[in-house]
Amino acid sequence: NPQYSNIRRFGGIKCNAASSCDGLELTINNRGCDRVIFDMFDLDQVSGAIFNFNGNINIDNCVCGPTCNFASGLGKCFQNLERLICPDPRSCMNMIKTIINPM
């Protein structure tokens, strides 16, 4: 019942030290009525990482470095974006992303 749903907030994930999350496999299953919101995903070193988000899950802020091109399952990082920033000319080179529900 949507009138009884709550929001469960989590701080987030930080992967910005050299090779810190390379090869990571993270699965988050939200099978309840509540919405899960992560405040921040700071993903600079995620080559080969696999992210699986199941259920009502959102990410408020997602910093995604060039290695995000070599990770899978990060579609939640490209939903409800206000903007997509490429900090230098090569950081978004050859990147193909679909932005869902831009603000």
N, C-alpha and C. Protein backbone atom coordinates (compact mmCIF):
# COMPACT_ATOMS: atom_id res chain seq x y z
N ASN A 1 0.84 -1.17 0.00
CA ASN A 1 0.00 0.00 0.00
C ASN A 1 0.89 1.25 0.00
N PRO A 2 0.84 2.07 -1.05
CA PRO A 2 1.72 3.25 -1.14
C PRO A 2 1.59 4.25 0.01
N GLN A 3 0.41 4.34 0.64
CA GLN A 3 0.25 5.31 1.72
C GLN A 3 1.10 4.96 2.94
N TYR A 4 1.52 3.70 3.06
CA TYR A 4 2.33 3.28 4.19
C TYR A 4 3.81 3.14 3.86
N SER A 5 4.20 3.53 2.66
CA SER A 5 5.62 3.37 2.29
C SER A 5 6.46 4.47 2.94
N ASN A 6 7.67 4.11 3.26
CA ASN A 6 8.63 5.03 3.86
C ASN A 6 9.84 5.12 2.96
N ILE A 7 10.73 6.00 3.32
CA ILE A 7 12.00 6.13 2.61
C ILE A 7 13.10 5.68 3.54
N ARG A 8 13.93 4.80 3.06
CA ARG A 8 15.12 4.34 3.80
C ARG A 8 16.33 4.93 3.12
N ARG A 9 17.07 5.78 3.83
CA ARG A 9 18.23 6.46 3.26
C ARG A 9 19.52 5.79 3.71
N PHE A 10 20.45 5.69 2.77
CA PHE A 10 21.79 5.17 3.05
C PHE A 10 22.80 6.18 2.54
N GLY A 11 23.95 6.25 3.20
CA GLY A 11 24.99 7.20 2.81
C GLY A 11 25.46 7.00 1.39
N GLY A 12 25.97 5.82 1.08
CA GLY A 12 26.39 5.56 -0.28
C GLY A 12 27.63 4.68 -0.36
N ILE A 13 28.28 4.75 -1.50
CA ILE A 13 29.46 3.96 -1.78
C ILE A 13 30.53 4.87 -2.35
N LYS A 14 31.76 4.65 -1.90
CA LYS A 14 32.87 5.46 -2.38
C LYS A 14 33.96 4.53 -2.92
N CYS A 15 34.26 4.66 -4.18
CA CYS A 15 35.27 3.84 -4.86
C CYS A 15 36.22 4.76 -5.62
N ASN A 16 37.07 5.48 -4.91
CA ASN A 16 37.92 6.41 -5.65
C ASN A 16 39.42 6.22 -5.41
N ALA A 17 39.82 5.24 -4.62
CA ALA A 17 41.25 4.91 -4.51
C ALA A 17 41.60 3.95 -5.64
N ALA A 18 42.83 3.93 -6.05
CA ALA A 18 43.26 3.11 -7.18
C ALA A 18 42.78 1.67 -7.05
N SER A 19 42.03 1.22 -8.04
CA SER A 19 41.51 -0.15 -8.13
C SER A 19 40.64 -0.55 -6.93
N SER A 20 40.09 0.41 -6.21
CA SER A 20 39.37 0.11 -4.97
C SER A 20 38.13 -0.75 -5.18
N CYS A 21 37.41 -0.61 -6.27
CA CYS A 21 36.21 -1.40 -6.49
C CYS A 21 36.26 -2.14 -7.83
N ASP A 22 37.43 -2.28 -8.41
CA ASP A 22 37.56 -3.02 -9.65
C ASP A 22 37.10 -4.46 -9.41
N GLY A 23 36.21 -4.96 -10.26
CA GLY A 23 35.72 -6.33 -10.14
C GLY A 23 34.66 -6.54 -9.07
N LEU A 24 34.23 -5.48 -8.42
CA LEU A 24 33.18 -5.58 -7.38
C LEU A 24 31.88 -6.10 -7.98
N GLU A 25 31.17 -6.93 -7.24
CA GLU A 25 29.81 -7.30 -7.61
C GLU A 25 28.91 -6.94 -6.45
N LEU A 26 28.01 -6.00 -6.66
CA LEU A 26 27.12 -5.50 -5.62
C LEU A 26 25.68 -5.71 -6.05
N THR A 27 24.91 -6.42 -5.23
CA THR A 27 23.49 -6.64 -5.49
C THR A 27 22.71 -6.08 -4.31
N ILE A 28 21.74 -5.23 -4.62
CA ILE A 28 20.86 -4.68 -3.60
C ILE A 28 19.44 -5.07 -3.97
N ASN A 29 18.80 -5.86 -3.11
CA ASN A 29 17.43 -6.32 -3.32
C ASN A 29 16.51 -5.59 -2.35
N ASN A 30 15.64 -4.78 -2.90
CA ASN A 30 14.62 -4.12 -2.08
C ASN A 30 13.29 -4.78 -2.40
N ARG A 31 12.90 -5.71 -1.57
CA ARG A 31 11.66 -6.45 -1.80
C ARG A 31 10.53 -5.94 -0.91
N GLY A 32 10.78 -4.87 -0.19
CA GLY A 32 9.76 -4.33 0.70
C GLY A 32 8.96 -3.22 0.05
N CYS A 33 8.15 -2.58 0.84
CA CYS A 33 7.30 -1.48 0.36
C CYS A 33 8.03 -0.15 0.36
N ASP A 34 9.10 -0.06 1.14
CA ASP A 34 9.81 1.22 1.29
C ASP A 34 10.71 1.49 0.09
N ARG A 35 10.93 2.76 -0.17
CA ARG A 35 11.86 3.18 -1.20
C ARG A 35 13.23 3.33 -0.56
N VAL A 36 14.26 2.83 -1.21
CA VAL A 36 15.64 2.94 -0.73
C VAL A 36 16.33 4.02 -1.56
N ILE A 37 16.93 4.99 -0.86
CA ILE A 37 17.64 6.07 -1.55
C ILE A 37 19.06 6.12 -1.03
N PHE A 38 20.01 6.09 -1.94
CA PHE A 38 21.42 6.28 -1.61
C PHE A 38 21.76 7.73 -1.86
N ASP A 39 22.41 8.36 -0.88
CA ASP A 39 22.76 9.77 -1.02
C ASP A 39 23.83 9.99 -2.08
N MET A 40 24.86 9.12 -2.12
CA MET A 40 25.98 9.38 -3.03
C MET A 40 26.65 8.09 -3.45
N PHE A 41 26.87 7.94 -4.73
CA PHE A 41 27.76 6.92 -5.28
C PHE A 41 28.93 7.67 -5.89
N ASP A 42 30.11 7.52 -5.32
CA ASP A 42 31.33 8.15 -5.83
C ASP A 42 32.14 7.03 -6.47
N LEU A 43 32.02 6.89 -7.79
CA LEU A 43 32.53 5.73 -8.50
C LEU A 43 33.61 6.14 -9.49
N ASP A 44 34.83 6.20 -9.03
CA ASP A 44 35.93 6.58 -9.90
C ASP A 44 36.75 5.38 -10.36
N GLN A 45 36.76 4.31 -9.58
CA GLN A 45 37.57 3.12 -9.88
C GLN A 45 36.71 1.87 -9.83
N VAL A 46 35.96 1.61 -10.90
CA VAL A 46 35.02 0.49 -10.89
C VAL A 46 35.13 -0.39 -12.14
N SER A 47 36.31 -0.52 -12.70
CA SER A 47 36.47 -1.35 -13.90
C SER A 47 36.02 -2.78 -13.62
N GLY A 48 35.14 -3.29 -14.49
CA GLY A 48 34.67 -4.66 -14.36
C GLY A 48 33.67 -4.88 -13.25
N ALA A 49 33.24 -3.83 -12.57
CA ALA A 49 32.26 -3.98 -11.49
C ALA A 49 30.87 -4.26 -12.06
N ILE A 50 30.08 -4.98 -11.29
CA ILE A 50 28.70 -5.32 -11.67
C ILE A 50 27.78 -4.85 -10.56
N PHE A 51 26.83 -4.00 -10.91
CA PHE A 51 25.86 -3.48 -9.95
C PHE A 51 24.48 -4.01 -10.33
N ASN A 52 23.77 -4.57 -9.37
CA ASN A 52 22.41 -5.07 -9.57
C ASN A 52 21.49 -4.39 -8.57
N PHE A 53 20.56 -3.59 -9.06
CA PHE A 53 19.60 -2.91 -8.21
C PHE A 53 18.22 -3.48 -8.50
N ASN A 54 17.62 -4.14 -7.52
CA ASN A 54 16.32 -4.77 -7.70
C ASN A 54 15.31 -4.14 -6.76
N GLY A 55 14.23 -3.64 -7.31
CA GLY A 55 13.19 -3.01 -6.51
C GLY A 55 13.25 -1.50 -6.61
N ASN A 56 12.57 -0.84 -5.70
CA ASN A 56 12.44 0.61 -5.69
C ASN A 56 13.69 1.23 -5.04
N ILE A 57 14.68 1.53 -5.87
CA ILE A 57 15.97 2.04 -5.41
C ILE A 57 16.34 3.25 -6.25
N ASN A 58 16.78 4.31 -5.59
CA ASN A 58 17.23 5.51 -6.28
C ASN A 58 18.60 5.94 -5.76
N ILE A 59 19.32 6.68 -6.59
CA ILE A 59 20.60 7.26 -6.20
C ILE A 59 20.48 8.76 -6.41
N ASP A 60 20.63 9.53 -5.32
CA ASP A 60 20.50 10.99 -5.43
C ASP A 60 21.65 11.63 -6.19
N ASN A 61 22.87 11.24 -5.90
CA ASN A 61 24.05 11.82 -6.55
C ASN A 61 24.99 10.70 -6.97
N CYS A 62 25.42 10.78 -8.22
CA CYS A 62 26.32 9.74 -8.73
C CYS A 62 27.47 10.42 -9.46
N VAL A 63 28.67 10.26 -8.92
CA VAL A 63 29.88 10.74 -9.57
C VAL A 63 30.50 9.52 -10.23
N CYS A 64 30.55 9.54 -11.54
CA CYS A 64 30.96 8.36 -12.29
C CYS A 64 32.15 8.71 -13.17
N GLY A 65 33.33 8.20 -12.79
CA GLY A 65 34.55 8.47 -13.55
C GLY A 65 34.62 7.64 -14.82
N PRO A 66 35.71 7.77 -15.56
CA PRO A 66 35.85 7.08 -16.84
C PRO A 66 35.76 5.55 -16.74
N THR A 67 36.10 4.97 -15.59
CA THR A 67 36.03 3.51 -15.48
C THR A 67 34.59 3.01 -15.43
N CYS A 68 33.61 3.90 -15.25
CA CYS A 68 32.21 3.48 -15.29
C CYS A 68 31.85 2.90 -16.66
N ASN A 69 32.60 3.28 -17.69
CA ASN A 69 32.37 2.69 -19.01
C ASN A 69 32.64 1.20 -19.01
N PHE A 70 33.41 0.72 -18.04
CA PHE A 70 33.80 -0.69 -17.97
C PHE A 70 33.10 -1.41 -16.82
N ALA A 71 32.02 -0.81 -16.32
CA ALA A 71 31.19 -1.42 -15.28
C ALA A 71 29.79 -1.63 -15.87
N SER A 72 29.00 -2.49 -15.26
CA SER A 72 27.64 -2.71 -15.76
C SER A 72 26.62 -2.50 -14.65
N GLY A 73 25.40 -2.20 -15.06
CA GLY A 73 24.30 -2.06 -14.11
C GLY A 73 24.18 -0.70 -13.47
N LEU A 74 24.79 0.33 -14.06
CA LEU A 74 24.76 1.66 -13.46
C LEU A 74 23.68 2.57 -14.05
N GLY A 75 22.65 1.98 -14.60
CA GLY A 75 21.57 2.77 -15.18
C GLY A 75 20.93 3.72 -14.18
N LYS A 76 20.88 3.33 -12.90
CA LYS A 76 20.30 4.20 -11.87
C LYS A 76 21.07 5.51 -11.74
N CYS A 77 22.34 5.51 -12.13
CA CYS A 77 23.13 6.75 -12.08
C CYS A 77 22.69 7.74 -13.15
N PHE A 78 21.93 7.29 -14.12
CA PHE A 78 21.54 8.15 -15.23
C PHE A 78 20.03 8.37 -15.28
N GLN A 79 19.37 8.23 -14.14
CA GLN A 79 17.95 8.54 -14.03
C GLN A 79 17.77 9.85 -13.28
N ASN A 80 16.83 10.63 -13.73
CA ASN A 80 16.45 11.89 -13.07
C ASN A 80 17.63 12.85 -12.92
N LEU A 81 18.47 12.92 -13.94
CA LEU A 81 19.64 13.81 -13.87
C LEU A 81 19.26 15.25 -14.10
N GLU A 82 19.87 16.11 -13.34
CA GLU A 82 19.76 17.55 -13.59
C GLU A 82 20.79 17.94 -14.64
N ARG A 83 21.96 17.28 -14.61
CA ARG A 83 23.02 17.56 -15.58
C ARG A 83 24.01 16.40 -15.61
N LEU A 84 24.73 16.30 -16.72
CA LEU A 84 25.80 15.34 -16.88
C LEU A 84 27.07 16.14 -17.14
N ILE A 85 28.04 16.02 -16.26
CA ILE A 85 29.26 16.82 -16.35
C ILE A 85 30.43 15.92 -16.75
N CYS A 86 31.15 16.33 -17.76
CA CYS A 86 32.39 15.66 -18.16
C CYS A 86 33.52 16.61 -17.79
N PRO A 87 34.28 16.30 -16.73
CA PRO A 87 35.26 17.25 -16.20
C PRO A 87 36.39 17.61 -17.15
N ASP A 88 36.71 16.73 -18.07
CA ASP A 88 37.72 17.08 -19.08
C ASP A 88 37.27 16.48 -20.41
N PRO A 89 37.84 16.95 -21.53
CA PRO A 89 37.36 16.52 -22.85
C PRO A 89 37.40 15.01 -23.08
N ARG A 90 38.29 14.28 -22.43
CA ARG A 90 38.40 12.85 -22.68
C ARG A 90 37.58 12.00 -21.72
N SER A 91 37.08 12.57 -20.64
CA SER A 91 36.40 11.76 -19.61
C SER A 91 35.11 11.12 -20.11
N CYS A 92 34.45 11.71 -21.09
CA CYS A 92 33.20 11.15 -21.62
C CYS A 92 33.36 10.63 -23.05
N MET A 93 34.58 10.59 -23.53
CA MET A 93 34.84 10.15 -24.89
C MET A 93 34.36 8.71 -25.09
N ASN A 94 33.63 8.48 -26.17
CA ASN A 94 33.08 7.17 -26.55
C ASN A 94 32.06 6.62 -25.56
N MET A 95 31.57 7.44 -24.65
CA MET A 95 30.57 7.02 -23.69
C MET A 95 29.19 7.11 -24.35
N ILE A 96 28.41 6.07 -24.21
CA ILE A 96 27.04 6.08 -24.70
C ILE A 96 26.13 5.79 -23.51
N LYS A 97 25.33 6.75 -23.12
CA LYS A 97 24.43 6.62 -21.97
C LYS A 97 23.07 7.16 -22.35
N THR A 98 22.04 6.58 -21.81
CA THR A 98 20.67 7.07 -21.99
C THR A 98 20.23 7.69 -20.69
N ILE A 99 19.82 8.94 -20.75
CA ILE A 99 19.37 9.65 -19.56
C ILE A 99 17.85 9.52 -19.49
N ILE A 100 17.36 8.99 -18.36
CA ILE A 100 15.93 8.73 -18.18
C ILE A 100 15.35 9.79 -17.25
N ASN A 101 14.25 10.40 -17.68
CA ASN A 101 13.55 11.43 -16.91
C ASN A 101 14.44 12.60 -16.54
N PRO A 102 15.09 13.28 -17.53
CA PRO A 102 15.93 14.42 -17.16
C PRO A 102 15.09 15.50 -16.49
N MET A 103 15.72 16.18 -15.55
CA MET A 103 15.01 17.22 -14.80
C MET A 103 15.10 18.54 -15.53
